[in-house]
N, C-alpha and C. Protein backbone atom coordinates (compact mmCIF):
# COMPACT_ATOMS: atom_id res chain seq x y z
N MET A 1 0.79 -0.96 -0.09
CA MET A 1 -0.12 0.42 0.05
C MET A 1 0.97 1.39 0.01
N THR A 2 0.58 2.64 -0.61
CA THR A 2 1.25 3.30 -1.47
C THR A 2 0.85 4.69 0.05
N HIS A 3 1.15 5.30 0.82
CA HIS A 3 0.75 6.38 1.60
C HIS A 3 1.14 7.27 0.81
N THR A 4 0.18 8.53 1.26
CA THR A 4 0.72 9.65 0.58
C THR A 4 0.40 10.70 1.58
N ARG A 5 0.93 10.70 3.10
CA ARG A 5 0.08 11.30 4.16
C ARG A 5 2.07 11.05 4.73
N TYR A 6 2.20 11.27 4.90
CA TYR A 6 3.61 12.35 6.16
C TYR A 6 3.39 13.07 7.35
N ALA A 7 4.41 12.11 8.56
CA ALA A 7 4.05 13.27 9.77
C ALA A 7 5.35 13.86 9.94
N PHE A 8 5.42 15.35 10.28
CA PHE A 8 6.44 15.69 10.66
C PHE A 8 6.27 16.28 12.46
N ILE A 9 6.76 16.19 12.74
CA ILE A 9 7.40 16.48 14.36
C ILE A 9 8.49 17.65 14.27
N LYS A 10 8.11 18.45 15.06
CA LYS A 10 9.34 19.83 14.51
C LYS A 10 9.19 19.95 16.63
N ALA A 11 10.57 19.70 17.63
CA ALA A 11 10.80 20.38 18.72
C ALA A 11 10.56 21.85 18.42
N GLN A 12 10.08 22.56 19.95
CA GLN A 12 10.13 24.09 19.89
C GLN A 12 10.98 24.29 20.21
N TRP A 13 11.75 24.14 21.43
CA TRP A 13 13.29 24.53 21.34
C TRP A 13 13.86 24.89 20.04
N HIS A 14 14.49 26.28 20.35
CA HIS A 14 15.01 27.15 18.89
C HIS A 14 13.80 27.23 17.82
N ALA A 15 12.72 27.21 18.04
CA ALA A 15 11.84 26.47 16.95
C ALA A 15 12.16 27.37 15.52
N ASP A 16 12.59 28.57 15.69
CA ASP A 16 13.16 29.23 14.48
C ASP A 16 14.28 29.84 13.54
N ILE A 17 14.68 28.77 14.48
CA ILE A 17 15.75 27.58 13.38
C ILE A 17 15.15 26.30 12.92
N VAL A 18 15.02 25.40 14.25
CA VAL A 18 14.16 24.00 13.92
C VAL A 18 12.40 23.96 12.07
N ASP A 19 11.55 25.01 12.61
CA ASP A 19 11.03 24.96 11.31
C ASP A 19 11.07 25.13 10.21
N ARG A 20 12.78 25.51 10.03
CA ARG A 20 12.52 25.76 8.67
C ARG A 20 12.95 23.81 7.89
N ALA A 21 12.94 23.36 8.79
CA ALA A 21 12.67 21.98 8.50
C ALA A 21 11.98 21.12 7.68
N LEU A 22 10.64 22.18 8.07
CA LEU A 22 9.74 21.80 7.54
C LEU A 22 9.46 22.42 6.26
N GLU A 23 9.70 23.80 6.15
CA GLU A 23 10.07 24.58 4.53
C GLU A 23 10.78 23.87 3.51
N GLY A 24 11.45 22.86 3.95
CA GLY A 24 12.74 22.56 2.80
C GLY A 24 11.57 21.39 2.64
N PHE A 25 11.34 20.04 3.70
CA PHE A 25 10.52 19.11 3.68
C PHE A 25 9.74 19.54 2.43
N CYS A 26 8.75 20.47 2.71
CA CYS A 26 8.30 20.81 1.60
C CYS A 26 7.67 20.93 0.32
N GLU A 27 8.94 21.18 0.01
CA GLU A 27 9.78 21.80 -0.48
C GLU A 27 9.12 20.60 -1.98
N LEU A 28 9.43 19.34 -1.72
CA LEU A 28 9.76 18.62 -2.07
C LEU A 28 7.51 17.01 -2.12
N ILE A 29 7.42 17.35 -0.91
CA ILE A 29 6.35 16.89 -0.22
C ILE A 29 5.24 17.61 0.29
N PRO A 30 4.51 18.12 -0.64
CA PRO A 30 2.83 19.42 -1.20
C PRO A 30 3.26 19.31 0.75
N ALA A 31 2.51 20.15 1.28
CA ALA A 31 2.60 21.16 1.95
C ALA A 31 0.79 20.06 2.78
N ASP A 32 -0.27 19.63 1.50
CA ASP A 32 -1.49 18.70 2.10
C ASP A 32 -1.56 17.62 2.41
N GLN A 33 0.17 16.92 2.23
CA GLN A 33 -0.01 15.65 2.48
C GLN A 33 0.70 15.27 3.81
N VAL A 34 1.37 16.51 4.22
CA VAL A 34 1.86 16.77 6.05
C VAL A 34 1.23 17.06 7.09
N ASP A 35 1.07 15.71 7.66
CA ASP A 35 0.01 17.07 8.96
C ASP A 35 1.87 16.60 9.60
N VAL A 36 1.36 17.83 10.35
CA VAL A 36 2.45 18.64 11.27
C VAL A 36 1.82 18.65 12.82
N TYR A 37 3.34 18.67 13.88
CA TYR A 37 2.90 18.18 15.08
C TYR A 37 4.40 18.70 15.87
N ASP A 38 4.04 19.47 16.82
CA ASP A 38 4.85 20.29 17.89
C ASP A 38 4.99 19.08 19.03
N VAL A 39 6.15 19.62 19.77
CA VAL A 39 6.66 18.82 20.87
C VAL A 39 7.07 19.27 21.76
N PRO A 40 7.60 19.35 22.84
CA PRO A 40 8.67 20.82 23.82
C PRO A 40 9.42 20.47 22.95
N GLY A 41 10.54 20.04 23.09
CA GLY A 41 11.75 19.66 23.06
C GLY A 41 12.20 18.09 22.34
N ALA A 42 13.61 17.86 22.37
CA ALA A 42 13.99 16.72 21.05
C ALA A 42 13.53 15.16 21.98
N PHE A 43 13.24 15.64 23.41
CA PHE A 43 13.28 14.07 24.28
C PHE A 43 12.33 13.90 23.76
N GLU A 44 11.18 14.68 23.56
CA GLU A 44 9.74 13.96 23.44
C GLU A 44 9.32 13.43 22.21
N MET A 45 10.33 13.17 20.92
CA MET A 45 9.84 12.78 19.83
C MET A 45 9.79 11.80 19.46
N PRO A 46 10.82 11.15 20.37
CA PRO A 46 10.79 8.99 19.92
C PRO A 46 9.54 9.01 20.09
N LEU A 47 8.26 9.18 21.18
CA LEU A 47 7.21 8.25 21.56
C LEU A 47 6.41 8.98 20.45
N VAL A 48 6.05 10.38 20.57
CA VAL A 48 4.84 10.16 19.38
C VAL A 48 5.11 9.83 17.86
N ALA A 49 6.65 10.29 17.86
CA ALA A 49 7.07 9.22 16.19
C ALA A 49 6.41 8.11 16.82
N ARG A 50 6.47 7.52 17.40
CA ARG A 50 6.05 6.18 17.52
C ARG A 50 4.72 5.54 17.43
N ASP A 51 4.22 6.99 18.26
CA ASP A 51 2.97 6.72 18.40
C ASP A 51 2.11 7.03 16.93
N LEU A 52 2.46 8.20 15.82
CA LEU A 52 2.30 8.32 14.85
C LEU A 52 2.05 7.11 13.99
N ALA A 53 3.16 6.46 14.09
CA ALA A 53 3.54 5.66 12.46
C ALA A 53 2.94 4.21 13.02
N ALA A 54 2.77 3.83 14.28
CA ALA A 54 1.38 3.23 14.59
C ALA A 54 0.12 3.32 14.23
N THR A 55 -0.58 4.50 14.16
CA THR A 55 -1.22 4.17 13.33
C THR A 55 -2.30 4.02 11.72
N GLY A 56 -0.74 4.00 11.53
CA GLY A 56 -0.47 3.23 9.91
C GLY A 56 -0.96 3.86 8.61
N ARG A 57 -1.07 5.58 9.11
CA ARG A 57 -1.58 6.59 8.19
C ARG A 57 -0.92 7.37 7.42
N TYR A 58 0.57 6.70 7.37
CA TYR A 58 1.78 7.52 7.25
C TYR A 58 2.65 6.60 6.55
N GLY A 59 3.04 7.28 4.98
CA GLY A 59 4.20 6.72 4.89
C GLY A 59 5.60 6.78 5.31
N ALA A 60 5.52 7.91 6.22
CA ALA A 60 6.98 7.88 6.77
C ALA A 60 6.74 8.62 8.24
N VAL A 61 7.49 9.47 9.35
CA VAL A 61 7.28 10.08 10.29
C VAL A 61 9.01 11.00 10.08
N ALA A 62 8.85 12.38 9.58
CA ALA A 62 10.22 13.27 9.69
C ALA A 62 9.99 13.63 11.21
N CYS A 63 10.99 13.79 11.75
CA CYS A 63 11.29 14.29 13.35
C CYS A 63 12.25 15.52 13.33
N ALA A 64 12.24 17.13 13.53
CA ALA A 64 13.39 17.80 13.62
C ALA A 64 13.57 18.73 15.17
N ALA A 65 14.88 18.31 14.95
CA ALA A 65 14.99 19.04 16.36
C ALA A 65 16.61 19.63 16.39
N PHE A 66 16.95 20.43 17.37
CA PHE A 66 18.33 20.89 17.20
C PHE A 66 18.48 21.25 19.15
N VAL A 67 19.83 20.29 18.89
CA VAL A 67 20.33 20.21 20.08
C VAL A 67 21.24 20.46 20.51
N VAL A 68 21.58 21.95 21.41
CA VAL A 68 22.48 22.08 21.55
C VAL A 68 23.27 22.18 22.47
N ASP A 69 24.63 22.68 23.46
CA ASP A 69 24.81 22.22 24.38
C ASP A 69 24.79 23.66 25.35
N GLY A 70 23.84 23.33 26.18
CA GLY A 70 23.17 24.57 27.79
C GLY A 70 24.27 24.63 28.65
N GLY A 71 24.88 23.94 28.32
CA GLY A 71 26.06 24.29 29.74
C GLY A 71 25.01 23.57 30.67
N ILE A 72 24.52 22.89 30.69
CA ILE A 72 24.01 22.04 32.69
C ILE A 72 23.88 20.70 32.46
N TYR A 73 24.10 20.42 30.91
CA TYR A 73 23.41 18.75 30.84
C TYR A 73 24.35 18.38 29.90
N ARG A 74 24.70 17.36 29.73
CA ARG A 74 25.38 16.75 28.54
C ARG A 74 24.46 16.27 27.44
N HIS A 75 24.77 17.85 26.40
CA HIS A 75 23.92 17.07 24.91
C HIS A 75 23.63 16.22 24.25
N ASP A 76 25.07 15.63 24.18
CA ASP A 76 25.39 14.66 22.93
C ASP A 76 24.50 13.96 23.57
N PHE A 77 24.36 13.02 25.03
CA PHE A 77 23.54 12.15 25.11
C PHE A 77 22.59 12.44 25.12
N VAL A 78 21.74 13.58 25.35
CA VAL A 78 20.15 13.74 24.57
C VAL A 78 20.77 13.61 23.63
N ALA A 79 20.99 14.12 22.38
CA ALA A 79 20.85 13.98 21.14
C ALA A 79 20.93 12.11 20.97
N GLN A 80 22.24 11.37 21.59
CA GLN A 80 22.51 9.84 21.20
C GLN A 80 21.00 9.40 21.54
N ALA A 81 20.24 9.35 22.74
CA ALA A 81 18.90 8.99 23.04
C ALA A 81 17.91 9.04 22.48
N VAL A 82 18.16 10.54 22.18
CA VAL A 82 16.47 10.63 21.21
C VAL A 82 16.84 10.00 19.38
N VAL A 83 18.18 9.94 19.11
CA VAL A 83 18.06 9.21 17.88
C VAL A 83 18.10 7.76 17.88
N ASP A 84 18.34 6.86 18.77
CA ASP A 84 18.46 5.61 19.13
C ASP A 84 16.91 5.69 20.20
N GLY A 85 15.92 6.01 20.07
CA GLY A 85 14.57 6.64 20.13
C GLY A 85 13.50 6.36 18.94
N LEU A 86 14.25 7.18 17.92
CA LEU A 86 13.95 7.51 16.45
C LEU A 86 13.84 6.29 15.94
N MET A 87 15.43 5.53 16.30
CA MET A 87 15.43 4.11 15.01
C MET A 87 14.30 3.72 15.64
N ARG A 88 14.72 3.18 17.69
CA ARG A 88 12.99 2.06 17.82
C ARG A 88 12.37 2.39 16.93
N ALA A 89 11.68 3.44 17.34
CA ALA A 89 10.46 3.66 16.76
C ALA A 89 9.79 2.84 15.25
N GLY A 90 11.08 3.84 14.53
CA GLY A 90 10.41 2.67 13.30
C GLY A 90 10.65 1.48 13.17
N LEU A 91 11.70 0.77 13.86
CA LEU A 91 12.04 -0.66 13.76
C LEU A 91 10.78 -1.48 14.77
N ASP A 92 10.19 -0.79 15.59
CA ASP A 92 9.18 -1.22 16.39
C ASP A 92 7.69 -1.50 15.28
N THR A 93 7.88 -0.22 15.14
CA THR A 93 6.91 -0.08 13.94
C THR A 93 6.57 -0.74 12.46
N GLY A 94 7.92 -0.58 11.46
CA GLY A 94 7.97 -0.85 10.54
C GLY A 94 7.84 0.23 9.73
N VAL A 95 7.55 1.67 10.30
CA VAL A 95 7.31 3.06 9.61
C VAL A 95 8.74 3.69 9.56
N PRO A 96 9.65 3.51 8.02
CA PRO A 96 10.35 4.77 8.62
C PRO A 96 10.15 6.10 9.54
N VAL A 97 11.73 6.57 10.66
CA VAL A 97 11.31 7.84 11.05
C VAL A 97 12.29 8.09 10.69
N LEU A 98 12.61 9.23 10.13
CA LEU A 98 13.70 10.07 9.92
C LEU A 98 14.33 10.73 10.37
N SER A 99 15.63 11.12 11.26
CA SER A 99 16.21 12.10 11.86
C SER A 99 16.21 13.42 11.04
N VAL A 100 16.13 14.81 11.43
CA VAL A 100 16.97 16.07 11.49
C VAL A 100 16.93 16.77 12.48
N SER A 101 17.36 15.75 13.07
CA SER A 101 18.40 16.04 14.50
C SER A 101 19.80 16.75 13.98
N LEU A 102 19.67 17.57 14.78
CA LEU A 102 21.36 18.40 14.98
C LEU A 102 21.85 18.55 15.94
N THR A 103 23.10 18.22 16.22
CA THR A 103 23.93 19.19 17.00
C THR A 103 25.06 19.24 17.26
N PRO A 104 24.90 20.72 16.78
CA PRO A 104 26.72 21.13 16.70
C PRO A 104 27.25 21.11 17.83
N HIS A 105 28.78 20.83 17.83
CA HIS A 105 29.98 21.41 19.23
C HIS A 105 30.08 22.47 19.60
N HIS A 106 29.83 23.72 18.20
CA HIS A 106 30.08 24.85 18.67
C HIS A 106 28.88 25.72 18.09
N TYR A 107 27.86 26.04 18.56
CA TYR A 107 26.60 26.64 18.11
C TYR A 107 26.56 27.85 19.26
N GLN A 108 26.60 29.36 18.80
CA GLN A 108 26.05 30.20 20.07
C GLN A 108 25.41 31.17 18.96
N GLU A 109 24.58 31.39 19.90
CA GLU A 109 23.09 31.84 19.72
C GLU A 109 23.88 33.77 18.79
N THR A 110 24.02 33.31 17.64
CA THR A 110 24.41 34.52 17.32
C THR A 110 23.44 34.82 15.73
N ASP A 111 23.34 36.66 15.36
CA ASP A 111 22.64 35.95 13.91
C ASP A 111 23.07 35.37 13.04
N HIS A 112 24.89 34.89 13.10
CA HIS A 112 25.59 34.57 12.11
C HIS A 112 25.52 32.95 11.97
N HIS A 113 25.52 32.18 13.39
CA HIS A 113 25.16 30.94 13.59
C HIS A 113 23.73 31.11 13.15
N ASN A 114 22.58 31.67 13.74
CA ASN A 114 21.28 31.59 13.85
C ASN A 114 21.52 31.13 12.00
N ALA A 115 21.78 32.07 11.20
CA ALA A 115 21.53 31.84 9.89
C ALA A 115 21.59 30.43 9.36
N ILE A 116 23.03 30.65 9.73
CA ILE A 116 24.19 29.49 8.95
C ILE A 116 22.66 28.21 9.77
N TYR A 117 22.20 27.87 10.92
CA TYR A 117 21.76 26.37 10.92
C TYR A 117 20.34 27.12 10.02
N ARG A 118 19.79 28.10 10.38
CA ARG A 118 18.08 28.38 9.14
C ARG A 118 18.65 27.89 8.45
N GLU A 119 19.75 28.19 7.19
CA GLU A 119 19.37 27.10 5.63
C GLU A 119 20.11 25.77 5.85
N HIS A 120 20.40 25.49 7.33
CA HIS A 120 21.36 24.27 6.96
C HIS A 120 19.25 23.58 7.21
N PHE A 121 19.05 23.47 8.28
CA PHE A 121 18.30 22.87 8.03
C PHE A 121 16.63 23.21 6.85
N VAL A 122 16.83 23.83 6.63
CA VAL A 122 16.43 23.89 4.92
C VAL A 122 16.66 22.53 4.06
N ASP A 123 18.16 22.45 3.75
CA ASP A 123 18.85 21.85 3.30
C ASP A 123 18.31 19.70 3.75
N LYS A 124 17.79 19.86 5.20
CA LYS A 124 17.87 19.13 5.85
C LYS A 124 16.56 18.14 6.23
N GLY A 125 15.60 19.53 5.86
CA GLY A 125 14.12 18.41 5.45
C GLY A 125 13.70 18.42 4.35
N ARG A 126 15.02 19.19 3.09
CA ARG A 126 14.89 18.47 1.78
C ARG A 126 15.24 17.07 1.84
N GLU A 127 16.30 16.99 2.36
CA GLU A 127 17.18 15.70 3.09
C GLU A 127 16.32 14.84 3.16
N ALA A 128 15.57 14.90 3.70
CA ALA A 128 14.85 13.80 5.02
C ALA A 128 12.82 13.68 3.29
N ALA A 129 13.28 14.64 3.25
CA ALA A 129 11.17 14.33 1.84
C ALA A 129 11.94 13.42 1.27
N GLN A 130 13.30 13.73 1.05
CA GLN A 130 14.31 12.56 -0.22
C GLN A 130 14.25 11.43 0.35
N ALA A 131 14.45 11.36 1.52
CA ALA A 131 14.76 9.47 2.10
C ALA A 131 13.65 9.39 2.50
N ALA A 132 12.13 10.14 2.68
CA ALA A 132 10.38 9.78 3.32
C ALA A 132 10.66 8.36 1.31
N LEU A 133 10.52 9.76 0.27
CA LEU A 133 10.38 9.42 -0.91
C LEU A 133 10.56 8.15 -1.69
N GLN A 134 12.30 8.34 -0.88
CA GLN A 134 12.69 6.94 -1.80
C GLN A 134 13.06 5.68 -0.72
N ILE A 135 12.60 5.38 0.28
CA ILE A 135 12.22 4.81 0.80
C ILE A 135 10.98 3.98 0.80
N GLY A 136 10.01 4.90 0.74
CA GLY A 136 8.95 4.23 0.07
C GLY A 136 8.81 3.75 -1.47
N LYS A 137 9.54 3.95 -2.20
CA LYS A 137 10.13 3.61 -3.85
C LYS A 137 10.33 2.06 -3.55
N THR A 138 11.08 2.58 -2.38
CA THR A 138 11.70 0.49 -1.89
C THR A 138 10.92 0.04 -1.13
N ARG A 139 10.29 0.62 -0.62
CA ARG A 139 8.92 -0.76 -0.30
C ARG A 139 8.29 -1.32 -1.17
N ALA A 140 8.24 -0.35 -1.75
CA ALA A 140 6.75 -0.71 -2.58
C ALA A 140 7.84 -1.87 -3.81
N ALA A 141 8.69 -1.69 -4.23
CA ALA A 141 9.44 -2.77 -5.41
C ALA A 141 9.64 -3.71 -4.16
N LEU A 142 9.67 -3.65 -2.96
CA LEU A 142 10.33 -4.81 -2.68
C LEU A 142 8.59 -5.21 -1.94
N ALA A 143 7.38 -4.91 -1.80
CA ALA A 143 6.48 -5.63 -1.92
C ALA A 143 5.44 -6.00 -2.91
N ALA A 144 6.11 -5.83 -4.27
CA ALA A 144 5.29 -5.93 -5.25
C ALA A 144 6.71 -7.89 -5.69
């Protein structure tokens, strides 16, 4: 069965940057085929991704977050837990769960860095859409 709907989960931490991934995603997949869900942060994405994938309504679930070093926790541990959780959600449900979760080593809240990462998220959103479309074609060919 070919799905023409996609779910897109966005973490609201640094939403001004993360939301740009949806723009890139919708350059290749029409916005009217994308259901958008907001979550507080990256850590909440795997659970929601699993729940959305389990509905059977989506050909893929894309998840976008920006995990930065806040100085009070090991952001790399959070990022690893998120990516592991997203992979598990896909494997457990059989629905592709794609990560647009970026963890820069040297992010500073400056206009320069924000502009770089806003543009980078557009590119990564576009790449997630390409991956969603390609995995759909590959899995359809396997099922034929």
